[in-house]
Amino acid sequence: MLALIQTIVMALDLYWWIIIASAIFSWLYAFNVVNSRNQFVGSIGNMLYRLTEPALRPIRRFMPDLGGIDISPIILLLVLFFLRQFLLTTVAPLVL
């Protein structure tokens, strides 16, 4: 059971970095730092969008309009941090 908890924590950590990479990529794309016509850049952006959008869409639906500022990745990172800490501090000691 402990191996399952550690695997879930590792997956949460990996998804954490994917969300951060997606946010940074969206900034780079918005400010034309990366070439939007490059096929490799487009495929990376598409992959990051497909990985993060299913988790961000429900958060965006309930968030008020902040005039172009999207804080849904921050809220998702807080949720992931809470789940990680809950697993490590509450569930893992019960297994041991």
N, C-alpha and C. Protein backbone atom coordinates (compact mmCIF):
# COMPACT_ATOMS: atom_id res chain seq x y z
N MET A 1 0.81 -1.19 0.00
CA MET A 1 0.00 0.00 0.00
C MET A 1 0.86 1.26 0.00
N LEU A 2 1.99 1.20 0.68
CA LEU A 2 2.90 2.33 0.72
C LEU A 2 3.47 2.62 -0.68
N ALA A 3 3.71 1.57 -1.45
CA ALA A 3 4.20 1.77 -2.82
C ALA A 3 3.17 2.49 -3.67
N LEU A 4 1.90 2.20 -3.46
CA LEU A 4 0.83 2.88 -4.20
C LEU A 4 0.78 4.37 -3.83
N ILE A 5 0.91 4.67 -2.55
CA ILE A 5 0.91 6.07 -2.10
C ILE A 5 2.11 6.81 -2.69
N GLN A 6 3.28 6.19 -2.68
CA GLN A 6 4.47 6.83 -3.24
C GLN A 6 4.33 7.04 -4.75
N THR A 7 3.69 6.11 -5.45
CA THR A 7 3.46 6.26 -6.88
C THR A 7 2.50 7.41 -7.16
N ILE A 8 1.45 7.54 -6.36
CA ILE A 8 0.50 8.64 -6.52
C ILE A 8 1.18 9.98 -6.24
N VAL A 9 2.00 10.03 -5.21
CA VAL A 9 2.73 11.26 -4.89
C VAL A 9 3.68 11.63 -6.03
N MET A 10 4.34 10.65 -6.61
CA MET A 10 5.24 10.93 -7.73
C MET A 10 4.45 11.44 -8.94
N ALA A 11 3.29 10.86 -9.20
CA ALA A 11 2.45 11.33 -10.31
C ALA A 11 1.96 12.75 -10.06
N LEU A 12 1.61 13.08 -8.82
CA LEU A 12 1.20 14.44 -8.48
C LEU A 12 2.35 15.42 -8.68
N ASP A 13 3.56 15.01 -8.29
CA ASP A 13 4.73 15.86 -8.49
C ASP A 13 5.01 16.08 -9.96
N LEU A 14 4.88 15.05 -10.77
CA LEU A 14 5.09 15.18 -12.21
C LEU A 14 4.05 16.11 -12.83
N TYR A 15 2.80 15.97 -12.43
CA TYR A 15 1.74 16.82 -12.96
C TYR A 15 1.94 18.27 -12.51
N TRP A 16 2.49 18.46 -11.31
CA TRP A 16 2.83 19.80 -10.82
C TRP A 16 3.75 20.50 -11.82
N TRP A 17 4.81 19.81 -12.24
CA TRP A 17 5.77 20.40 -13.17
C TRP A 17 5.17 20.59 -14.56
N ILE A 18 4.26 19.73 -14.96
CA ILE A 18 3.59 19.90 -16.25
C ILE A 18 2.75 21.18 -16.24
N ILE A 19 2.07 21.44 -15.13
CA ILE A 19 1.27 22.66 -15.02
C ILE A 19 2.15 23.90 -15.07
N ILE A 20 3.27 23.88 -14.38
CA ILE A 20 4.21 25.01 -14.41
C ILE A 20 4.76 25.21 -15.82
N ALA A 21 5.12 24.12 -16.50
CA ALA A 21 5.63 24.23 -17.87
C ALA A 21 4.56 24.79 -18.79
N SER A 22 3.32 24.40 -18.60
CA SER A 22 2.24 24.91 -19.42
C SER A 22 2.03 26.40 -19.21
N ALA A 23 2.11 26.85 -17.97
CA ALA A 23 1.95 28.27 -17.69
C ALA A 23 3.09 29.08 -18.30
N ILE A 24 4.30 28.61 -18.16
CA ILE A 24 5.46 29.31 -18.74
C ILE A 24 5.36 29.32 -20.26
N PHE A 25 4.96 28.21 -20.85
CA PHE A 25 4.82 28.16 -22.30
C PHE A 25 3.74 29.12 -22.79
N SER A 26 2.65 29.23 -22.06
CA SER A 26 1.59 30.14 -22.48
C SER A 26 2.07 31.59 -22.43
N TRP A 27 2.91 31.93 -21.44
CA TRP A 27 3.47 33.28 -21.39
C TRP A 27 4.41 33.52 -22.57
N LEU A 28 5.28 32.55 -22.84
CA LEU A 28 6.22 32.68 -23.95
C LEU A 28 5.48 32.80 -25.28
N TYR A 29 4.41 32.06 -25.43
CA TYR A 29 3.62 32.12 -26.64
C TYR A 29 2.88 33.44 -26.76
N ALA A 30 2.35 33.94 -25.66
CA ALA A 30 1.59 35.19 -25.68
C ALA A 30 2.48 36.39 -25.99
N PHE A 31 3.71 36.37 -25.54
CA PHE A 31 4.62 37.48 -25.78
C PHE A 31 5.51 37.28 -27.01
N ASN A 32 5.19 36.29 -27.83
CA ASN A 32 5.91 35.99 -29.08
C ASN A 32 7.40 35.75 -28.87
N VAL A 33 7.74 35.10 -27.77
CA VAL A 33 9.13 34.73 -27.53
C VAL A 33 9.48 33.48 -28.32
N VAL A 34 8.52 32.56 -28.43
CA VAL A 34 8.72 31.35 -29.21
C VAL A 34 8.05 31.53 -30.57
N ASN A 35 8.58 30.86 -31.57
CA ASN A 35 8.04 30.95 -32.92
C ASN A 35 6.76 30.12 -33.00
N SER A 36 5.63 30.77 -33.18
CA SER A 36 4.35 30.06 -33.20
C SER A 36 4.15 29.25 -34.48
N ARG A 37 4.95 29.50 -35.50
CA ARG A 37 4.82 28.75 -36.76
C ARG A 37 5.66 27.47 -36.78
N ASN A 38 6.52 27.32 -35.81
CA ASN A 38 7.37 26.14 -35.74
C ASN A 38 6.52 24.93 -35.34
N GLN A 39 6.64 23.84 -36.08
CA GLN A 39 5.83 22.66 -35.83
C GLN A 39 6.18 22.02 -34.49
N PHE A 40 7.44 22.00 -34.11
CA PHE A 40 7.85 21.42 -32.84
C PHE A 40 7.28 22.21 -31.67
N VAL A 41 7.34 23.53 -31.75
CA VAL A 41 6.78 24.39 -30.71
C VAL A 41 5.27 24.19 -30.62
N GLY A 42 4.63 24.08 -31.75
CA GLY A 42 3.19 23.85 -31.78
C GLY A 42 2.80 22.51 -31.16
N SER A 43 3.59 21.48 -31.42
CA SER A 43 3.27 20.17 -30.85
C SER A 43 3.50 20.15 -29.34
N ILE A 44 4.51 20.87 -28.85
CA ILE A 44 4.72 20.96 -27.40
C ILE A 44 3.57 21.71 -26.75
N GLY A 45 3.17 22.82 -27.36
CA GLY A 45 2.04 23.58 -26.83
C GLY A 45 0.76 22.77 -26.82
N ASN A 46 0.53 22.03 -27.89
CA ASN A 46 -0.67 21.19 -27.97
C ASN A 46 -0.65 20.10 -26.91
N MET A 47 0.51 19.48 -26.69
CA MET A 47 0.63 18.44 -25.68
C MET A 47 0.37 19.01 -24.29
N LEU A 48 0.98 20.16 -23.98
CA LEU A 48 0.76 20.77 -22.66
C LEU A 48 -0.70 21.17 -22.47
N TYR A 49 -1.32 21.69 -23.53
CA TYR A 49 -2.73 22.08 -23.45
C TYR A 49 -3.61 20.86 -23.18
N ARG A 50 -3.36 19.77 -23.90
CA ARG A 50 -4.17 18.56 -23.72
C ARG A 50 -3.97 17.91 -22.36
N LEU A 51 -2.79 18.08 -21.78
CA LEU A 51 -2.55 17.49 -20.46
C LEU A 51 -3.15 18.31 -19.33
N THR A 52 -3.21 19.62 -19.49
CA THR A 52 -3.64 20.47 -18.39
C THR A 52 -5.08 20.96 -18.50
N GLU A 53 -5.60 21.07 -19.69
CA GLU A 53 -6.92 21.66 -19.86
C GLU A 53 -8.05 20.88 -19.19
N PRO A 54 -8.05 19.54 -19.18
CA PRO A 54 -9.14 18.85 -18.48
C PRO A 54 -9.21 19.15 -16.98
N ALA A 55 -8.08 19.45 -16.37
CA ALA A 55 -8.08 19.79 -14.94
C ALA A 55 -8.35 21.27 -14.71
N LEU A 56 -7.96 22.11 -15.66
CA LEU A 56 -8.14 23.56 -15.49
C LEU A 56 -9.53 24.03 -15.88
N ARG A 57 -10.19 23.35 -16.80
CA ARG A 57 -11.50 23.80 -17.30
C ARG A 57 -12.56 23.90 -16.20
N PRO A 58 -12.70 22.91 -15.30
CA PRO A 58 -13.71 23.08 -14.23
C PRO A 58 -13.39 24.23 -13.29
N ILE A 59 -12.13 24.51 -13.06
CA ILE A 59 -11.74 25.62 -12.19
C ILE A 59 -12.09 26.94 -12.86
N ARG A 60 -11.81 27.04 -14.15
CA ARG A 60 -12.11 28.27 -14.90
C ARG A 60 -13.61 28.54 -14.96
N ARG A 61 -14.41 27.50 -14.95
CA ARG A 61 -15.86 27.66 -15.03
C ARG A 61 -16.40 28.37 -13.79
N PHE A 62 -15.78 28.13 -12.63
CA PHE A 62 -16.27 28.72 -11.38
C PHE A 62 -15.56 30.00 -10.99
N MET A 63 -14.46 30.33 -11.68
CA MET A 63 -13.71 31.53 -11.35
C MET A 63 -14.37 32.76 -11.96
N PRO A 64 -14.35 33.88 -11.24
CA PRO A 64 -14.87 35.12 -11.85
C PRO A 64 -13.89 35.64 -12.90
N ASP A 65 -14.39 36.46 -13.79
CA ASP A 65 -13.54 37.06 -14.83
C ASP A 65 -12.63 38.10 -14.20
N LEU A 66 -11.33 37.90 -14.33
CA LEU A 66 -10.36 38.82 -13.74
C LEU A 66 -9.69 39.69 -14.79
N GLY A 67 -10.29 39.79 -15.96
CA GLY A 67 -9.76 40.67 -16.99
C GLY A 67 -8.46 40.21 -17.61
N GLY A 68 -8.39 38.99 -18.06
CA GLY A 68 -7.20 38.50 -18.74
C GLY A 68 -6.19 37.82 -17.85
N ILE A 69 -6.40 37.84 -16.56
CA ILE A 69 -5.49 37.16 -15.64
C ILE A 69 -6.10 35.80 -15.30
N ASP A 70 -5.36 34.75 -15.57
CA ASP A 70 -5.84 33.40 -15.32
C ASP A 70 -5.11 32.83 -14.11
N ILE A 71 -5.82 32.70 -13.01
CA ILE A 71 -5.19 32.15 -11.80
C ILE A 71 -5.59 30.69 -11.57
N SER A 72 -6.23 30.07 -12.55
CA SER A 72 -6.63 28.68 -12.39
C SER A 72 -5.43 27.73 -12.21
N PRO A 73 -4.27 27.95 -12.86
CA PRO A 73 -3.13 27.07 -12.56
C PRO A 73 -2.68 27.18 -11.11
N ILE A 74 -2.76 28.35 -10.53
CA ILE A 74 -2.36 28.52 -9.13
C ILE A 74 -3.30 27.74 -8.22
N ILE A 75 -4.59 27.81 -8.51
CA ILE A 75 -5.56 27.07 -7.71
C ILE A 75 -5.36 25.57 -7.86
N LEU A 76 -5.08 25.12 -9.08
CA LEU A 76 -4.82 23.70 -9.30
C LEU A 76 -3.56 23.25 -8.58
N LEU A 77 -2.53 24.09 -8.58
CA LEU A 77 -1.30 23.75 -7.84
C LEU A 77 -1.57 23.66 -6.34
N LEU A 78 -2.41 24.53 -5.81
CA LEU A 78 -2.77 24.45 -4.39
C LEU A 78 -3.53 23.16 -4.08
N VAL A 79 -4.43 22.77 -4.97
CA VAL A 79 -5.17 21.52 -4.78
C VAL A 79 -4.22 20.33 -4.81
N LEU A 80 -3.29 20.33 -5.76
CA LEU A 80 -2.31 19.24 -5.83
C LEU A 80 -1.42 19.21 -4.60
N PHE A 81 -1.03 20.38 -4.09
CA PHE A 81 -0.23 20.44 -2.88
C PHE A 81 -1.01 19.88 -1.69
N PHE A 82 -2.30 20.25 -1.59
CA PHE A 82 -3.13 19.72 -0.51
C PHE A 82 -3.24 18.19 -0.60
N LEU A 83 -3.50 17.66 -1.80
CA LEU A 83 -3.60 16.21 -1.95
C LEU A 83 -2.30 15.50 -1.59
N ARG A 84 -1.19 16.08 -2.01
CA ARG A 84 0.11 15.49 -1.70
C ARG A 84 0.36 15.47 -0.19
N GLN A 85 0.10 16.59 0.46
CA GLN A 85 0.32 16.65 1.90
C GLN A 85 -0.65 15.75 2.66
N PHE A 86 -1.88 15.67 2.18
CA PHE A 86 -2.86 14.78 2.81
C PHE A 86 -2.41 13.33 2.72
N LEU A 87 -1.92 12.94 1.56
CA LEU A 87 -1.44 11.56 1.42
C LEU A 87 -0.24 11.28 2.31
N LEU A 88 0.69 12.23 2.37
CA LEU A 88 1.92 12.00 3.13
C LEU A 88 1.73 12.11 4.64
N THR A 89 0.84 12.99 5.09
CA THR A 89 0.71 13.20 6.54
C THR A 89 -0.46 12.46 7.17
N THR A 90 -1.47 12.11 6.39
CA THR A 90 -2.64 11.46 6.98
C THR A 90 -2.77 10.01 6.56
N VAL A 91 -2.65 9.74 5.29
CA VAL A 91 -2.87 8.37 4.78
C VAL A 91 -1.64 7.48 5.00
N ALA A 92 -0.46 7.99 4.70
CA ALA A 92 0.75 7.17 4.82
C ALA A 92 1.01 6.69 6.24
N PRO A 93 0.83 7.52 7.30
CA PRO A 93 1.03 6.98 8.65
C PRO A 93 0.03 5.88 9.02
N LEU A 94 -1.16 5.92 8.44
CA LEU A 94 -2.13 4.86 8.73
C LEU A 94 -1.71 3.54 8.13
N VAL A 95 -0.97 3.59 7.02
CA VAL A 95 -0.52 2.37 6.35
C VAL A 95 0.65 1.77 7.10
N LEU A 96 1.50 2.63 7.64
CA LEU A 96 2.68 2.13 8.36
C LEU A 96 2.23 1.55 9.66
